[in-house]
């Protein structure tokens, strides 16, 4: 099962996957730093996490 990461910028939307929660959070934070909007992580259980909830996966 994978964590799915998505975000949008002025060129369109990007969708990525990572096998581990920590890697998903790292990539999502990188997207935010690069100016992406609407960055979200979808867990293998189907839960959608917004940036202010990413710390729930880091613990």
PDB file of N, CA and C in Angstrom:
ATOM      1  N   UNK A   1       0.839  -1.175   0.000  1.00  0.00           N
ATOM      2  CA  UNK A   1       0.000   0.000   0.000  1.00  0.00           C
ATOM      3  C   UNK A   1       0.889   1.245   0.000  1.00  0.00           C
ATOM      4  N   UNK A   2       0.433   2.260  -0.684  1.00  0.00           N
ATOM      5  CA  UNK A   2       1.219   3.480  -0.813  1.00  0.00           C
ATOM      6  C   UNK A   2       0.452   4.705  -0.310  1.00  0.00           C
ATOM      7  N   UNK A   3       1.227   5.703   0.035  1.00  0.00           N
ATOM      8  CA  UNK A   3       0.695   7.020   0.366  1.00  0.00           C
ATOM      9  C   UNK A   3       0.727   7.834  -0.917  1.00  0.00           C
ATOM     10  N   UNK A   4      -0.355   8.502  -1.249  1.00  0.00           N
ATOM     11  CA  UNK A   4      -0.429   9.315  -2.451  1.00  0.00           C
ATOM     12  C   UNK A   4      -0.325  10.784  -2.073  1.00  0.00           C
ATOM     13  N   UNK A   5       0.512  11.512  -2.806  1.00  0.00           N
ATOM     14  CA  UNK A   5       0.737  12.929  -2.554  1.00  0.00           C
ATOM     15  C   UNK A   5       0.334  13.688  -3.804  1.00  0.00           C
ATOM     16  N   UNK A   6      -0.423  14.747  -3.630  1.00  0.00           N
ATOM     17  CA  UNK A   6      -0.842  15.554  -4.777  1.00  0.00           C
ATOM     18  C   UNK A   6      -0.759  17.029  -4.458  1.00  0.00           C
ATOM     19  N   UNK A   7      -0.552  17.817  -5.508  1.00  0.00           N
ATOM     20  CA  UNK A   7      -0.512  19.265  -5.363  1.00  0.00           C
ATOM     21  C   UNK A   7      -0.642  19.931  -6.715  1.00  0.00           C
ATOM     22  N   UNK A   8      -0.976  21.205  -6.705  1.00  0.00           N
ATOM     23  CA  UNK A   8      -1.172  21.965  -7.946  1.00  0.00           C
ATOM     24  C   UNK A   8      -0.249  23.169  -7.980  1.00  0.00           C
ATOM     25  N   UNK A   9       0.183  23.502  -9.196  1.00  0.00           N
ATOM     26  CA  UNK A   9       0.881  24.772  -9.412  1.00  0.00           C
ATOM     27  C   UNK A   9       0.314  25.389 -10.680  1.00  0.00           C
ATOM     28  N   UNK A  10       0.917  26.454 -11.167  1.00  0.00           N
ATOM     29  CA  UNK A  10       0.336  27.144 -12.322  1.00  0.00           C
ATOM     30  C   UNK A  10       0.409  26.335 -13.613  1.00  0.00           C
ATOM     31  N   UNK A  11       1.188  25.259 -13.613  1.00  0.00           N
ATOM     32  CA  UNK A  11       1.312  24.421 -14.805  1.00  0.00           C
ATOM     33  C   UNK A  11       0.382  23.217 -14.790  1.00  0.00           C
ATOM     34  N   UNK A  12      -0.227  22.942 -13.648  1.00  0.00           N
ATOM     35  CA  UNK A  12      -1.118  21.790 -13.553  1.00  0.00           C
ATOM     36  C   UNK A  12      -0.971  21.080 -12.221  1.00  0.00           C
ATOM     37  N   UNK A  13      -1.349  19.833 -12.221  1.00  0.00           N
ATOM     38  CA  UNK A  13      -1.364  19.030 -10.990  1.00  0.00           C
ATOM     39  C   UNK A  13      -0.320  17.925 -11.081  1.00  0.00           C
ATOM     40  N   UNK A  14       0.291  17.614  -9.939  1.00  0.00           N
ATOM     41  CA  UNK A  14       1.232  16.506  -9.850  1.00  0.00           C
ATOM     42  C   UNK A  14       0.685  15.498  -8.840  1.00  0.00           C
ATOM     43  N   UNK A  15       0.826  14.221  -9.146  1.00  0.00           N
ATOM     44  CA  UNK A  15       0.414  13.146  -8.251  1.00  0.00           C
ATOM     45  C   UNK A  15       1.571  12.166  -8.126  1.00  0.00           C
ATOM     46  N   UNK A  16       1.983  11.899  -6.898  1.00  0.00           N
ATOM     47  CA  UNK A  16       3.124  11.039  -6.624  1.00  0.00           C
ATOM     48  C   UNK A  16       2.733  10.006  -5.581  1.00  0.00           C
ATOM     49  N   UNK A  17       3.553   8.982  -5.422  1.00  0.00           N
ATOM     50  CA  UNK A  17       3.300   8.007  -4.360  1.00  0.00           C
ATOM     51  C   UNK A  17       4.605   7.687  -3.646  1.00  0.00           C
ATOM     52  N   UNK A  18       4.473   7.315  -2.394  1.00  0.00           N
ATOM     53  CA  UNK A  18       5.597   6.907  -1.569  1.00  0.00           C
ATOM     54  C   UNK A  18       5.139   5.729  -0.722  1.00  0.00           C
ATOM     55  N   UNK A  19       6.057   4.807  -0.454  1.00  0.00           N
ATOM     56  CA  UNK A  19       5.725   3.603   0.304  1.00  0.00           C
ATOM     57  C   UNK A  19       5.635   3.854   1.807  1.00  0.00           C
ATOM     58  N   UNK A  20       6.370   4.841   2.298  1.00  0.00           N
ATOM     59  CA  UNK A  20       6.419   5.092   3.746  1.00  0.00           C
ATOM     60  C   UNK A  20       5.810   6.446   4.094  1.00  0.00           C
ATOM     61  N   UNK A  21       5.231   6.526   5.280  1.00  0.00           N
ATOM     62  CA  UNK A  21       4.598   7.761   5.735  1.00  0.00           C
ATOM     63  C   UNK A  21       5.594   8.911   5.809  1.00  0.00           C
ATOM     64  N   UNK A  22       6.773   8.652   6.361  1.00  0.00           N
ATOM     65  CA  UNK A  22       7.783   9.695   6.481  1.00  0.00           C
ATOM     66  C   UNK A  22       8.206  10.253   5.139  1.00  0.00           C
ATOM     67  N   UNK A  23       8.350   9.386   4.152  1.00  0.00           N
ATOM     68  CA  UNK A  23       8.723   9.819   2.810  1.00  0.00           C
ATOM     69  C   UNK A  23       7.608  10.641   2.173  1.00  0.00           C
ATOM     70  N   UNK A  24       6.370  10.279   2.455  1.00  0.00           N
ATOM     71  CA  UNK A  24       5.229  11.034   1.918  1.00  0.00           C
ATOM     72  C   UNK A  24       5.189  12.435   2.504  1.00  0.00           C
ATOM     73  N   UNK A  25       5.399  12.539   3.805  1.00  0.00           N
ATOM     74  CA  UNK A  25       5.402  13.846   4.461  1.00  0.00           C
ATOM     75  C   UNK A  25       6.549  14.700   3.925  1.00  0.00           C
ATOM     76  N   UNK A  26       7.720  14.096   3.766  1.00  0.00           N
ATOM     77  CA  UNK A  26       8.874  14.832   3.248  1.00  0.00           C
ATOM     78  C   UNK A  26       8.577  15.395   1.858  1.00  0.00           C
ATOM     79  N   UNK A  27       8.027  14.576   0.975  1.00  0.00           N
ATOM     80  CA  UNK A  27       7.721  15.031  -0.386  1.00  0.00           C
ATOM     81  C   UNK A  27       6.639  16.093  -0.377  1.00  0.00           C
ATOM     82  N   UNK A  28       5.619  15.930   0.447  1.00  0.00           N
ATOM     83  CA  UNK A  28       4.544  16.916   0.528  1.00  0.00           C
ATOM     84  C   UNK A  28       5.093  18.264   0.989  1.00  0.00           C
ATOM     85  N   UNK A  29       5.982  18.249   1.972  1.00  0.00           N
ATOM     86  CA  UNK A  29       6.593  19.494   2.445  1.00  0.00           C
ATOM     87  C   UNK A  29       7.474  20.126   1.374  1.00  0.00           C
ATOM     88  N   UNK A  30       8.163  19.305   0.586  1.00  0.00           N
ATOM     89  CA  UNK A  30       8.956  19.822  -0.529  1.00  0.00           C
ATOM     90  C   UNK A  30       8.065  20.521  -1.556  1.00  0.00           C
ATOM     91  N   UNK A  31       6.919  19.919  -1.841  1.00  0.00           N
ATOM     92  CA  UNK A  31       5.985  20.544  -2.783  1.00  0.00           C
ATOM     93  C   UNK A  31       5.512  21.899  -2.260  1.00  0.00           C
ATOM     94  N   UNK A  32       5.204  21.957  -0.978  1.00  0.00           N
ATOM     95  CA  UNK A  32       4.775  23.226  -0.382  1.00  0.00           C
ATOM     96  C   UNK A  32       5.877  24.276  -0.485  1.00  0.00           C
ATOM     97  N   UNK A  33       7.114  23.885  -0.215  1.00  0.00           N
ATOM     98  CA  UNK A  33       8.243  24.808  -0.306  1.00  0.00           C
ATOM     99  C   UNK A  33       8.460  25.284  -1.733  1.00  0.00           C
ATOM    100  N   UNK A  34       8.116  24.440  -2.697  1.00  0.00           N
ATOM    101  CA  UNK A  34       8.267  24.796  -4.112  1.00  0.00           C
ATOM    102  C   UNK A  34       7.095  25.609  -4.643  1.00  0.00           C
ATOM    103  N   UNK A  35       6.151  25.959  -3.766  1.00  0.00           N
ATOM    104  CA  UNK A  35       5.051  26.819  -4.163  1.00  0.00           C
ATOM    105  C   UNK A  35       3.794  26.118  -4.625  1.00  0.00           C
ATOM    106  N   UNK A  36       3.716  24.813  -4.434  1.00  0.00           N
ATOM    107  CA  UNK A  36       2.508  24.086  -4.816  1.00  0.00           C
ATOM    108  C   UNK A  36       1.371  24.423  -3.858  1.00  0.00           C
ATOM    109  N   UNK A  37       0.169  24.415  -4.384  1.00  0.00           N
ATOM    110  CA  UNK A  37      -1.043  24.671  -3.609  1.00  0.00           C
ATOM    111  C   UNK A  37      -1.856  23.390  -3.513  1.00  0.00           C
ATOM    112  N   UNK A  38      -2.809  23.374  -2.622  1.00  0.00           N
ATOM    113  CA  UNK A  38      -3.723  22.245  -2.480  1.00  0.00           C
ATOM    114  C   UNK A  38      -2.964  20.923  -2.313  1.00  0.00           C
ATOM    115  N   UNK A  39      -1.888  20.951  -1.511  1.00  0.00           N
ATOM    116  CA  UNK A  39      -1.084  19.749  -1.279  1.00  0.00           C
ATOM    117  C   UNK A  39      -1.813  18.880  -0.259  1.00  0.00           C
ATOM    118  N   UNK A  40      -1.935  17.606  -0.605  1.00  0.00           N
ATOM    119  CA  UNK A  40      -2.641  16.650   0.253  1.00  0.00           C
ATOM    120  C   UNK A  40      -1.931  15.311   0.225  1.00  0.00           C
ATOM    121  N   UNK A  41      -2.090  14.567   1.298  1.00  0.00           N
ATOM    122  CA  UNK A  41      -1.605  13.187   1.359  1.00  0.00           C
ATOM    123  C   UNK A  41      -2.815  12.286   1.582  1.00  0.00           C
ATOM    124  N   UNK A  42      -2.902  11.245   0.790  1.00  0.00           N
ATOM    125  CA  UNK A  42      -3.937  10.238   0.971  1.00  0.00           C
ATOM    126  C   UNK A  42      -3.277   8.988   1.544  1.00  0.00           C
ATOM    127  N   UNK A  43      -3.770   8.519   2.683  1.00  0.00           N
ATOM    128  CA  UNK A  43      -3.189   7.347   3.332  1.00  0.00           C
ATOM    129  C   UNK A  43      -3.703   6.067   2.661  1.00  0.00           C
ATOM    130  N   UNK A  44      -3.033   4.942   2.905  1.00  0.00           N
ATOM    131  CA  UNK A  44      -3.517   3.672   2.345  1.00  0.00           C
ATOM    132  C   UNK A  44      -4.942   3.329   2.790  1.00  0.00           C
ATOM    133  N   UNK A  45      -5.364   3.877   3.939  1.00  0.00           N
ATOM    134  CA  UNK A  45      -6.723   3.623   4.437  1.00  0.00           C
ATOM    135  C   UNK A  45      -7.751   4.548   3.798  1.00  0.00           C
ATOM    136  N   UNK A  46      -7.303   5.501   2.957  1.00  0.00           N
ATOM    137  CA  UNK A  46      -8.210   6.403   2.276  1.00  0.00           C
ATOM    138  C   UNK A  46      -8.426   7.733   2.973  1.00  0.00           C
ATOM    139  N   UNK A  47      -7.693   7.997   4.026  1.00  0.00           N
ATOM    140  CA  UNK A  47      -7.809   9.264   4.747  1.00  0.00           C
ATOM    141  C   UNK A  47      -7.045  10.349   4.012  1.00  0.00           C
ATOM    142  N   UNK A  48      -7.630  11.521   3.893  1.00  0.00           N
ATOM    143  CA  UNK A  48      -7.000  12.665   3.227  1.00  0.00           C
ATOM    144  C   UNK A  48      -6.476  13.623   4.294  1.00  0.00           C
ATOM    145  N   UNK A  49      -5.178  13.928   4.209  1.00  0.00           N
ATOM    146  CA  UNK A  49      -4.557  14.834   5.172  1.00  0.00           C
ATOM    147  C   UNK A  49      -4.140  16.127   4.477  1.00  0.00           C
ATOM    148  N   UNK A  50      -4.494  17.241   5.099  1.00  0.00           N
ATOM    149  CA  UNK A  50      -4.092  18.566   4.633  1.00  0.00           C
ATOM    150  C   UNK A  50      -2.803  18.956   5.355  1.00  0.00           C
ATOM    151  N   UNK A  51      -2.112  20.001   4.878  1.00  0.00           N
ATOM    152  CA  UNK A  51      -0.809  20.356   5.466  1.00  0.00           C
ATOM    153  C   UNK A  51      -0.788  20.491   6.986  1.00  0.00           C
ATOM    154  N   UNK A  52      -1.834  21.019   7.589  1.00  0.00           N
ATOM    155  CA  UNK A  52      -1.814  21.167   9.045  1.00  0.00           C
ATOM    156  C   UNK A  52      -2.014  19.846   9.781  1.00  0.00           C
ATOM    157  N   UNK A  53      -2.238  18.748   9.040  1.00  0.00           N
ATOM    158  CA  UNK A  53      -2.412  17.425   9.629  1.00  0.00           C
ATOM    159  C   UNK A  53      -1.245  16.490   9.337  1.00  0.00           C
ATOM    160  N   UNK A  54      -0.249  16.941   8.561  1.00  0.00           N
ATOM    161  CA  UNK A  54       0.871  16.073   8.180  1.00  0.00           C
ATOM    162  C   UNK A  54       1.604  15.522   9.390  1.00  0.00           C
ATOM    163  N   UNK A  55       1.668  16.287  10.476  1.00  0.00           N
ATOM    164  CA  UNK A  55       2.376  15.839  11.667  1.00  0.00           C
ATOM    165  C   UNK A  55       1.766  14.566  12.264  1.00  0.00           C
ATOM    166  N   UNK A  56       0.537  14.242  11.919  1.00  0.00           N
ATOM    167  CA  UNK A  56      -0.094  13.026  12.397  1.00  0.00           C
ATOM    168  C   UNK A  56       0.610  11.782  11.842  1.00  0.00           C
ATOM    169  N   UNK A  57       1.243  11.904  10.692  1.00  0.00           N
ATOM    170  CA  UNK A  57       1.966  10.788  10.095  1.00  0.00           C
ATOM    171  C   UNK A  57       3.405  10.709  10.581  1.00  0.00           C
ATOM    172  N   UNK A  58       3.941  11.805  11.075  1.00  0.00           N
ATOM    173  CA  UNK A  58       5.337  11.838  11.487  1.00  0.00           C
ATOM    174  C   UNK A  58       5.565  11.185  12.852  1.00  0.00           C
ATOM    175  N   UNK A  59       4.536  11.087  13.659  1.00  0.00           N
ATOM    176  CA  UNK A  59       4.672  10.591  15.019  1.00  0.00           C
ATOM    177  C   UNK A  59       4.869   9.132  15.161  1.00  0.00           C
TER     178      UNK A  59
END
